[in-house]
């Protein structure tokens, strides 16, 4: 069986284009460790927050989630965030885990306070709001709709 040289050239062109798409995807995906300073926040429930998830202020990405682990003394989840060094986080900032739409992933939303003292490298964001799942929200609505006196 004899191969047609046009098929070989066409196959090589397809592989070359696929390689170019992979190169473009890798260069624009911001894969890898992000530079910045580390802060921690504690939560009772992280609700599927993943390592590598965004940390945002007013919808703008300012960092990533580096790690999460269980504090064996308080049994709370401790989440380590890497924040862009050009962003100074006020000490009274509130960290909340929120969903990016109904089917989207989770991210940490920082709501900066008014303090003039900033969280430093290795510091702790003391104020946090836990993730509320759809089931939690529906339960609260039912509780409020039935009078909530039971």
C-alpha atoms as a PDB file:
ATOM      1  CA  UNK A   1       0.000   0.000   0.000  1.00  0.00           C
ATOM      2  CA  UNK A   2       1.495   3.287  -1.132  1.00  0.00           C
ATOM      3  CA  UNK A   3       1.050   6.480   0.936  1.00  0.00           C
ATOM      4  CA  UNK A   4       0.155   9.709  -0.694  1.00  0.00           C
ATOM      5  CA  UNK A   5       2.699  12.488   0.110  1.00  0.00           C
ATOM      6  CA  UNK A   6      -0.174  14.971   0.448  1.00  0.00           C
ATOM      7  CA  UNK A   7      -1.557  12.967   3.404  1.00  0.00           C
ATOM      8  CA  UNK A   8       1.829  13.077   5.114  1.00  0.00           C
ATOM      9  CA  UNK A   9       2.185  16.840   4.611  1.00  0.00           C
ATOM     10  CA  UNK A  10      -1.395  17.433   5.759  1.00  0.00           C
ATOM     11  CA  UNK A  11      -0.766  15.348   8.920  1.00  0.00           C
ATOM     12  CA  UNK A  12       2.383  17.342   9.664  1.00  0.00           C
ATOM     13  CA  UNK A  13       0.473  20.636   9.245  1.00  0.00           C
ATOM     14  CA  UNK A  14      -2.264  19.449  11.644  1.00  0.00           C
ATOM     15  CA  UNK A  15       0.370  18.465  14.253  1.00  0.00           C
ATOM     16  CA  UNK A  16       2.126  21.822  13.835  1.00  0.00           C
ATOM     17  CA  UNK A  17      -1.128  23.763  14.335  1.00  0.00           C
ATOM     18  CA  UNK A  18      -2.003  21.649  17.403  1.00  0.00           C
ATOM     19  CA  UNK A  19       1.445  22.390  18.843  1.00  0.00           C
ATOM     20  CA  UNK A  20       0.927  26.118  18.277  1.00  0.00           C
ATOM     21  CA  UNK A  21      -2.435  26.003  20.104  1.00  0.00           C
ATOM     22  CA  UNK A  22      -0.869  24.158  23.053  1.00  0.00           C
ATOM     23  CA  UNK A  23       1.949  26.701  23.217  1.00  0.00           C
ATOM     24  CA  UNK A  24      -0.534  29.597  23.150  1.00  0.00           C
ATOM     25  CA  UNK A  25      -2.703  27.995  25.839  1.00  0.00           C
ATOM     26  CA  UNK A  26       0.290  27.395  28.128  1.00  0.00           C
ATOM     27  CA  UNK A  27       1.647  30.928  27.739  1.00  0.00           C
ATOM     28  CA  UNK A  28      -1.693  32.629  28.521  1.00  0.00           C
ATOM     29  CA  UNK A  29      -2.998  30.318  31.275  1.00  0.00           C
ATOM     30  CA  UNK A  30      -0.869  31.791  34.098  1.00  0.00           C
ATOM     31  CA  UNK A  31       0.105  28.320  35.277  1.00  0.00           C
ATOM     32  CA  UNK A  32       2.598  28.158  38.106  1.00  0.00           C
ATOM     33  CA  UNK A  33       3.311  29.786  41.408  1.00  0.00           C
ATOM     34  CA  UNK A  34       2.358  33.389  41.830  1.00  0.00           C
ATOM     35  CA  UNK A  35       4.732  35.863  43.471  1.00  0.00           C
ATOM     36  CA  UNK A  36       3.520  37.714  46.523  1.00  0.00           C
ATOM     37  CA  UNK A  37       3.106  37.548  50.258  1.00  0.00           C
ATOM     38  CA  UNK A  38       1.217  34.875  52.162  1.00  0.00           C
ATOM     39  CA  UNK A  39      -1.710  35.417  54.496  1.00  0.00           C
ATOM     40  CA  UNK A  40      -4.062  32.930  56.123  1.00  0.00           C
ATOM     41  CA  UNK A  41      -7.798  32.908  56.768  1.00  0.00           C
ATOM     42  CA  UNK A  42      -9.879  30.436  58.781  1.00  0.00           C
ATOM     43  CA  UNK A  43     -13.271  29.055  57.786  1.00  0.00           C
ATOM     44  CA  UNK A  44     -15.710  26.537  59.263  1.00  0.00           C
ATOM     45  CA  UNK A  45     -16.589  25.299  55.770  1.00  0.00           C
ATOM     46  CA  UNK A  46     -14.651  25.806  52.521  1.00  0.00           C
ATOM     47  CA  UNK A  47     -17.300  24.246  50.240  1.00  0.00           C
ATOM     48  CA  UNK A  48     -15.093  22.823  47.500  1.00  0.00           C
ATOM     49  CA  UNK A  49     -12.545  25.636  47.287  1.00  0.00           C
ATOM     50  CA  UNK A  50      -9.565  24.333  45.291  1.00  0.00           C
ATOM     51  CA  UNK A  51      -5.846  25.027  45.465  1.00  0.00           C
ATOM     52  CA  UNK A  52      -5.136  27.504  42.669  1.00  0.00           C
ATOM     53  CA  UNK A  53      -8.523  29.215  42.964  1.00  0.00           C
ATOM     54  CA  UNK A  54      -8.600  32.981  42.603  1.00  0.00           C
ATOM     55  CA  UNK A  55      -8.469  35.525  45.396  1.00  0.00           C
ATOM     56  CA  UNK A  56     -10.410  38.586  44.261  1.00  0.00           C
ATOM     57  CA  UNK A  57     -11.162  42.113  45.398  1.00  0.00           C
ATOM     58  CA  UNK A  58     -14.137  43.738  43.647  1.00  0.00           C
ATOM     59  CA  UNK A  59     -14.021  40.972  41.030  1.00  0.00           C
ATOM     60  CA  UNK A  60     -10.363  41.575  40.131  1.00  0.00           C
ATOM     61  CA  UNK A  61      -7.911  38.723  40.718  1.00  0.00           C
ATOM     62  CA  UNK A  62      -5.247  39.756  43.263  1.00  0.00           C
ATOM     63  CA  UNK A  63      -3.914  36.364  44.280  1.00  0.00           C
ATOM     64  CA  UNK A  64      -4.414  32.614  44.482  1.00  0.00           C
ATOM     65  CA  UNK A  65      -5.187  29.937  47.049  1.00  0.00           C
ATOM     66  CA  UNK A  66      -1.898  28.202  47.816  1.00  0.00           C
ATOM     67  CA  UNK A  67      -2.978  25.562  50.319  1.00  0.00           C
ATOM     68  CA  UNK A  68      -5.653  24.522  52.767  1.00  0.00           C
ATOM     69  CA  UNK A  69      -5.441  22.307  55.807  1.00  0.00           C
ATOM     70  CA  UNK A  70      -7.321  21.433  58.973  1.00  0.00           C
ATOM     71  CA  UNK A  71      -6.276  23.160  62.201  1.00  0.00           C
ATOM     72  CA  UNK A  72      -6.293  20.249  64.671  1.00  0.00           C
ATOM     73  CA  UNK A  73      -6.812  22.513  67.689  1.00  0.00           C
ATOM     74  CA  UNK A  74      -9.896  24.404  66.482  1.00  0.00           C
ATOM     75  CA  UNK A  75     -11.035  21.992  63.724  1.00  0.00           C
ATOM     76  CA  UNK A  76     -11.373  24.902  61.340  1.00  0.00           C
ATOM     77  CA  UNK A  77     -10.087  24.988  57.771  1.00  0.00           C
ATOM     78  CA  UNK A  78      -7.046  27.240  57.364  1.00  0.00           C
ATOM     79  CA  UNK A  79      -6.539  28.581  53.874  1.00  0.00           C
ATOM     80  CA  UNK A  80      -3.222  30.082  52.783  1.00  0.00           C
ATOM     81  CA  UNK A  81      -3.536  32.866  50.203  1.00  0.00           C
ATOM     82  CA  UNK A  82      -0.752  34.369  48.093  1.00  0.00           C
ATOM     83  CA  UNK A  83      -1.496  38.065  47.497  1.00  0.00           C
ATOM     84  CA  UNK A  84       0.095  40.274  44.840  1.00  0.00           C
ATOM     85  CA  UNK A  85       2.809  42.371  46.554  1.00  0.00           C
ATOM     86  CA  UNK A  86       1.394  45.622  45.150  1.00  0.00           C
ATOM     87  CA  UNK A  87      -1.912  45.047  47.014  1.00  0.00           C
ATOM     88  CA  UNK A  88      -1.983  45.971  50.706  1.00  0.00           C
ATOM     89  CA  UNK A  89      -4.761  44.233  52.626  1.00  0.00           C
ATOM     90  CA  UNK A  90      -6.218  46.261  55.548  1.00  0.00           C
ATOM     91  CA  UNK A  91      -6.281  44.457  58.896  1.00  0.00           C
ATOM     92  CA  UNK A  92     -10.101  44.573  59.114  1.00  0.00           C
ATOM     93  CA  UNK A  93     -10.632  42.905  55.720  1.00  0.00           C
ATOM     94  CA  UNK A  94     -13.332  40.227  55.511  1.00  0.00           C
ATOM     95  CA  UNK A  95     -12.568  37.035  53.560  1.00  0.00           C
ATOM     96  CA  UNK A  96     -15.548  35.136  52.127  1.00  0.00           C
ATOM     97  CA  UNK A  97     -15.739  32.011  49.999  1.00  0.00           C
ATOM     98  CA  UNK A  98     -18.210  32.563  47.188  1.00  0.00           C
ATOM     99  CA  UNK A  99     -19.264  30.719  44.060  1.00  0.00           C
ATOM    100  CA  UNK A 100     -18.685  31.966  40.546  1.00  0.00           C
ATOM    101  CA  UNK A 101     -22.250  31.353  39.356  1.00  0.00           C
ATOM    102  CA  UNK A 102     -24.400  28.261  39.718  1.00  0.00           C
ATOM    103  CA  UNK A 103     -21.957  25.908  37.985  1.00  0.00           C
ATOM    104  CA  UNK A 104     -18.747  27.901  38.405  1.00  0.00           C
ATOM    105  CA  UNK A 105     -15.896  27.252  40.772  1.00  0.00           C
ATOM    106  CA  UNK A 106     -15.320  28.808  44.171  1.00  0.00           C
ATOM    107  CA  UNK A 107     -12.993  31.687  44.959  1.00  0.00           C
ATOM    108  CA  UNK A 108     -12.026  33.824  47.960  1.00  0.00           C
ATOM    109  CA  UNK A 109     -13.575  37.293  47.897  1.00  0.00           C
ATOM    110  CA  UNK A 110     -11.746  39.876  49.990  1.00  0.00           C
ATOM    111  CA  UNK A 111     -13.764  42.866  51.185  1.00  0.00           C
ATOM    112  CA  UNK A 112     -11.230  45.434  52.394  1.00  0.00           C
ATOM    113  CA  UNK A 113     -11.953  47.428  55.513  1.00  0.00           C
ATOM    114  CA  UNK A 114     -10.880  50.939  56.455  1.00  0.00           C
ATOM    115  CA  UNK A 115      -7.968  50.141  58.788  1.00  0.00           C
ATOM    116  CA  UNK A 116      -4.668  51.856  58.117  1.00  0.00           C
ATOM    117  CA  UNK A 117      -2.791  48.848  59.510  1.00  0.00           C
ATOM    118  CA  UNK A 118      -2.140  46.170  56.883  1.00  0.00           C
ATOM    119  CA  UNK A 119      -1.831  42.388  57.098  1.00  0.00           C
ATOM    120  CA  UNK A 120       1.815  41.434  56.681  1.00  0.00           C
ATOM    121  CA  UNK A 121       3.496  38.352  55.243  1.00  0.00           C
ATOM    122  CA  UNK A 122       2.437  35.350  57.324  1.00  0.00           C
ATOM    123  CA  UNK A 123      -0.430  37.312  58.897  1.00  0.00           C
ATOM    124  CA  UNK A 124      -4.017  36.270  59.516  1.00  0.00           C
ATOM    125  CA  UNK A 125      -7.241  37.713  58.138  1.00  0.00           C
ATOM    126  CA  UNK A 126      -9.298  37.492  61.326  1.00  0.00           C
ATOM    127  CA  UNK A 127     -12.754  38.149  59.828  1.00  0.00           C
ATOM    128  CA  UNK A 128     -14.198  35.459  57.577  1.00  0.00           C
ATOM    129  CA  UNK A 129     -17.532  34.302  56.216  1.00  0.00           C
ATOM    130  CA  UNK A 130     -18.040  30.619  55.483  1.00  0.00           C
ATOM    131  CA  UNK A 131     -19.256  29.234  52.193  1.00  0.00           C
ATOM    132  CA  UNK A 132     -23.040  28.936  51.932  1.00  0.00           C
ATOM    133  CA  UNK A 133     -24.170  26.163  49.631  1.00  0.00           C
ATOM    134  CA  UNK A 134     -27.385  26.225  47.659  1.00  0.00           C
ATOM    135  CA  UNK A 135     -28.866  23.765  50.178  1.00  0.00           C
ATOM    136  CA  UNK A 136     -28.022  26.121  53.063  1.00  0.00           C
ATOM    137  CA  UNK A 137     -29.686  29.053  51.305  1.00  0.00           C
ATOM    138  CA  UNK A 138     -32.822  27.043  50.464  1.00  0.00           C
ATOM    139  CA  UNK A 139     -33.003  25.877  54.088  1.00  0.00           C
ATOM    140  CA  UNK A 140     -32.815  29.466  55.347  1.00  0.00           C
ATOM    141  CA  UNK A 141     -35.573  30.550  52.953  1.00  0.00           C
ATOM    142  CA  UNK A 142     -37.834  27.702  54.079  1.00  0.00           C
ATOM    143  CA  UNK A 143     -37.090  28.503  57.723  1.00  0.00           C
ATOM    144  CA  UNK A 144     -37.997  32.163  57.191  1.00  0.00           C
ATOM    145  CA  UNK A 145     -41.082  31.330  55.119  1.00  0.00           C
ATOM    146  CA  UNK A 146     -42.492  29.008  57.793  1.00  0.00           C
ATOM    147  CA  UNK A 147     -42.105  31.581  60.535  1.00  0.00           C
ATOM    148  CA  UNK A 148     -38.880  30.200  62.047  1.00  0.00           C
ATOM    149  CA  UNK A 149     -40.429  29.612  65.474  1.00  0.00           C
ATOM    150  CA  UNK A 150     -40.166  25.819  65.651  1.00  0.00           C
END
